[in-house]
Each structure stands twice: as C-alpha cells, then as structure tokens.
Amino acid sequence: MTDTRAASLIAAAAIVTALLRFLPFLFLGGKRKTPEYITYLGKVLPYAIIGMLVVYCLRGVTPLNWPHGLPELLAVAAVVVLHLWRRSTLLSIAGGTICYMVLIQFIFK
C-alpha cells in the first residue's frame, strides 16, 4: 500500500468518524429538548455494555477444571471492593487487571 493511499484511507476514516460524532449535535442541537428515548438510552446503555463486557471477560472460565475460576472470581471481587471503596472507575479497572495478572502469572500458574 502506498503512502498516499494509506493517508487517504486514514483521512476518510477520520472524516466519517467525525461526521458520525457531530451528526447528533447537528440534528438535536440548539435549544430543542432531547427526545425521551435518547435520554432513556443514555441511562440504560452503560449498564448493558458493562454487563456484556463482564459476560465477554468471563466466558472462558471453566469451573470444573483447575483453578476453578478462582483468579477471575478474586479479580472481580477486587474490582467491586475497589469501586465501592473509592468510586473510581479507572482505579477499579486498573486494580482488577493488576490483581488478575498477578494471580495468573505468579499464584495460579
């Protein structure tokens, strides 16, 4: 792939991405009230996405084989405890990831 073609593909992707991000503001912007279904989706979708991520992350757990999903369970518990303690999403995600990596690399080899 030539440099010109790669640059044009990147530019096209950037323009499409920017347009998709700006379109809701163009159509719904101004002094109009946000439609109820958009407000509803804004409240419901984050929880649905988190649920899908949890299912995706835990899909490979085999409770019948060693270590019986123990590292995953401990990492999820660490995420919950950290989030309840500090209410920081970044800390919860980073702490859970670090906990899981330490568990699978050093404890449950």
C-alpha atoms as a PDB file:
ATOM      1  CA  MET A   1       0.000   0.000   0.000  1.00  0.00           C
ATOM      2  CA  THR A   2       1.418   3.351  -1.000  1.00  0.00           C
ATOM      3  CA  ASP A   3       1.786   6.212   1.426  1.00  0.00           C
ATOM      4  CA  THR A   4      -0.754   8.326  -0.479  1.00  0.00           C
ATOM      5  CA  ARG A   5      -3.363   5.590  -0.407  1.00  0.00           C
ATOM      6  CA  ALA A   6      -2.802   4.916   3.298  1.00  0.00           C
ATOM      7  CA  ALA A   7      -3.068   8.627   4.083  1.00  0.00           C
ATOM      8  CA  SER A   8      -6.293   8.951   2.077  1.00  0.00           C
ATOM      9  CA  LEU A   9      -7.812   5.933   3.848  1.00  0.00           C
ATOM     10  CA  ILE A  10      -6.898   7.355   7.245  1.00  0.00           C
ATOM     11  CA  ALA A  11      -8.322  10.755   6.261  1.00  0.00           C
ATOM     12  CA  ALA A  12     -11.565   9.177   5.025  1.00  0.00           C
ATOM     13  CA  ALA A  13     -11.936   7.175   8.242  1.00  0.00           C
ATOM     14  CA  ALA A  14     -11.283  10.311  10.319  1.00  0.00           C
ATOM     15  CA  ILE A  15     -13.876  12.328   8.384  1.00  0.00           C
ATOM     16  CA  VAL A  16     -16.536   9.613   8.676  1.00  0.00           C
ATOM     17  CA  THR A  17     -15.829   9.223  12.393  1.00  0.00           C
ATOM     18  CA  ALA A  18     -16.043  12.975  12.969  1.00  0.00           C
ATOM     19  CA  LEU A  19     -19.303  13.216  10.993  1.00  0.00           C
ATOM     20  CA  LEU A  20     -20.857  10.376  12.961  1.00  0.00           C
ATOM     21  CA  ARG A  21     -19.922  12.109  16.196  1.00  0.00           C
ATOM     22  CA  PHE A  22     -21.183  15.546  15.110  1.00  0.00           C
ATOM     23  CA  LEU A  23     -24.470  14.476  13.475  1.00  0.00           C
ATOM     24  CA  PRO A  24     -26.461  14.118  16.718  1.00  0.00           C
ATOM     25  CA  PHE A  25     -25.440  17.639  17.723  1.00  0.00           C
ATOM     26  CA  LEU A  26     -26.411  18.998  14.326  1.00  0.00           C
ATOM     27  CA  PHE A  27     -29.850  17.353  14.374  1.00  0.00           C
ATOM     28  CA  LEU A  28     -30.591  17.613  18.083  1.00  0.00           C
ATOM     29  CA  GLY A  29     -28.501  20.654  18.906  1.00  0.00           C
ATOM     30  CA  GLY A  30     -29.692  24.109  19.646  1.00  0.00           C
ATOM     31  CA  LYS A  31     -32.450  24.799  22.108  1.00  0.00           C
ATOM     32  CA  ARG A  32     -34.518  21.693  21.368  1.00  0.00           C
ATOM     33  CA  LYS A  33     -35.244  19.313  24.194  1.00  0.00           C
ATOM     34  CA  THR A  34     -33.512  15.937  23.982  1.00  0.00           C
ATOM     35  CA  PRO A  35     -36.014  13.235  22.971  1.00  0.00           C
ATOM     36  CA  GLU A  36     -37.115  10.885  25.745  1.00  0.00           C
ATOM     37  CA  TYR A  37     -35.783   7.747  24.027  1.00  0.00           C
ATOM     38  CA  ILE A  38     -32.296   9.279  23.789  1.00  0.00           C
ATOM     39  CA  THR A  39     -32.402  10.113  27.496  1.00  0.00           C
ATOM     40  CA  TYR A  40     -33.605   6.575  28.227  1.00  0.00           C
ATOM     41  CA  LEU A  41     -30.798   5.047  26.149  1.00  0.00           C
ATOM     42  CA  GLY A  42     -28.285   7.263  27.942  1.00  0.00           C
ATOM     43  CA  LYS A  43     -29.431   5.821  31.249  1.00  0.00           C
ATOM     44  CA  VAL A  44     -29.739   2.169  30.203  1.00  0.00           C
ATOM     45  CA  LEU A  45     -26.919   1.515  27.727  1.00  0.00           C
ATOM     46  CA  PRO A  46     -23.927   1.945  30.062  1.00  0.00           C
ATOM     47  CA  TYR A  47     -25.239  -0.839  32.317  1.00  0.00           C
ATOM     48  CA  ALA A  48     -25.978  -3.060  29.323  1.00  0.00           C
ATOM     49  CA  ILE A  49     -22.482  -2.535  27.947  1.00  0.00           C
ATOM     50  CA  ILE A  50     -20.885  -3.308  31.318  1.00  0.00           C
ATOM     51  CA  GLY A  51     -22.974  -6.488  31.528  1.00  0.00           C
ATOM     52  CA  MET A  52     -21.845  -7.537  28.059  1.00  0.00           C
ATOM     53  CA  LEU A  53     -18.202  -6.869  28.976  1.00  0.00           C
ATOM     54  CA  VAL A  54     -18.497  -8.986  32.129  1.00  0.00           C
ATOM     55  CA  VAL A  55     -20.005 -11.862  30.151  1.00  0.00           C
ATOM     56  CA  TYR A  56     -17.324 -11.489  27.474  1.00  0.00           C
ATOM     57  CA  CYS A  57     -14.494 -11.456  30.013  1.00  0.00           C
ATOM     58  CA  LEU A  58     -15.781 -14.449  31.984  1.00  0.00           C
ATOM     59  CA  ARG A  59     -16.873 -16.594  29.020  1.00  0.00           C
ATOM     60  CA  GLY A  60     -13.765 -18.787  29.134  1.00  0.00           C
ATOM     61  CA  VAL A  61     -13.975 -19.693  32.826  1.00  0.00           C
ATOM     62  CA  THR A  62     -14.113 -23.437  33.378  1.00  0.00           C
ATOM     63  CA  PRO A  63     -15.332 -24.097  36.921  1.00  0.00           C
ATOM     64  CA  LEU A  64     -14.771 -27.862  36.591  1.00  0.00           C
ATOM     65  CA  ASN A  65     -11.031 -27.570  35.846  1.00  0.00           C
ATOM     66  CA  TRP A  66      -8.221 -26.191  37.992  1.00  0.00           C
ATOM     67  CA  PRO A  67      -8.138 -23.370  39.169  1.00  0.00           C
ATOM     68  CA  HIS A  68     -11.953 -23.475  39.026  1.00  0.00           C
ATOM     69  CA  GLY A  69     -12.310 -19.804  38.040  1.00  0.00           C
ATOM     70  CA  LEU A  70     -10.717 -18.652  41.269  1.00  0.00           C
ATOM     71  CA  PRO A  71      -8.420 -15.984  39.709  1.00  0.00           C
ATOM     72  CA  GLU A  72     -11.373 -14.487  37.834  1.00  0.00           C
ATOM     73  CA  LEU A  73     -13.569 -14.533  40.921  1.00  0.00           C
ATOM     74  CA  LEU A  74     -10.892 -12.865  43.039  1.00  0.00           C
ATOM     75  CA  ALA A  75     -10.245 -10.214  40.365  1.00  0.00           C
ATOM     76  CA  VAL A  76     -13.973  -9.451  40.077  1.00  0.00           C
ATOM     77  CA  ALA A  77     -14.154  -9.178  43.875  1.00  0.00           C
ATOM     78  CA  ALA A  78     -11.182  -6.790  43.792  1.00  0.00           C
ATOM     79  CA  VAL A  79     -12.957  -4.625  41.201  1.00  0.00           C
ATOM     80  CA  VAL A  80     -16.123  -4.493  43.313  1.00  0.00           C
ATOM     81  CA  VAL A  81     -14.252  -3.706  46.543  1.00  0.00           C
ATOM     82  CA  LEU A  82     -12.114  -1.019  44.898  1.00  0.00           C
ATOM     83  CA  HIS A  83     -15.133   0.584  43.282  1.00  0.00           C
ATOM     84  CA  LEU A  84     -17.170   0.589  46.480  1.00  0.00           C
ATOM     85  CA  TRP A  85     -14.195   1.968  48.384  1.00  0.00           C
ATOM     86  CA  ARG A  86     -13.145   4.813  46.038  1.00  0.00           C
ATOM     87  CA  ARG A  87     -15.927   5.120  43.413  1.00  0.00           C
ATOM     88  CA  SER A  88     -13.236   5.457  40.760  1.00  0.00           C
ATOM     89  CA  THR A  89     -13.772   3.560  37.529  1.00  0.00           C
ATOM     90  CA  LEU A  90     -10.145   3.906  36.471  1.00  0.00           C
ATOM     91  CA  LEU A  91      -8.871   2.605  39.798  1.00  0.00           C
ATOM     92  CA  SER A  92     -11.349  -0.283  39.712  1.00  0.00           C
ATOM     93  CA  ILE A  93     -10.384  -1.374  36.205  1.00  0.00           C
ATOM     94  CA  ALA A  94      -6.640  -0.960  36.768  1.00  0.00           C
ATOM     95  CA  GLY A  95      -6.737  -2.649  40.171  1.00  0.00           C
ATOM     96  CA  GLY A  96      -8.784  -5.583  38.882  1.00  0.00           C
ATOM     97  CA  THR A  97      -6.485  -6.023  35.885  1.00  0.00           C
ATOM     98  CA  ILE A  98      -3.343  -5.907  38.030  1.00  0.00           C
ATOM     99  CA  CYS A  99      -4.888  -8.315  40.534  1.00  0.00           C
ATOM    100  CA  TYR A 100      -5.824 -10.769  37.773  1.00  0.00           C
ATOM    101  CA  MET A 101      -2.400 -10.579  36.123  1.00  0.00           C
ATOM    102  CA  VAL A 102      -0.597 -11.187  39.417  1.00  0.00           C
ATOM    103  CA  LEU A 103      -2.888 -14.119  40.189  1.00  0.00           C
ATOM    104  CA  ILE A 104      -2.451 -15.886  36.836  1.00  0.00           C
ATOM    105  CA  GLN A 105       1.268 -15.122  36.493  1.00  0.00           C
ATOM    106  CA  PHE A 106       2.540 -15.869  39.978  1.00  0.00           C
ATOM    107  CA  ILE A 107      -0.038 -17.710  42.070  1.00  0.00           C
ATOM    108  CA  PHE A 108      -2.180 -19.899  39.779  1.00  0.00           C
ATOM    109  CA  LYS A 109       0.454 -20.999  37.255  1.00  0.00           C
END
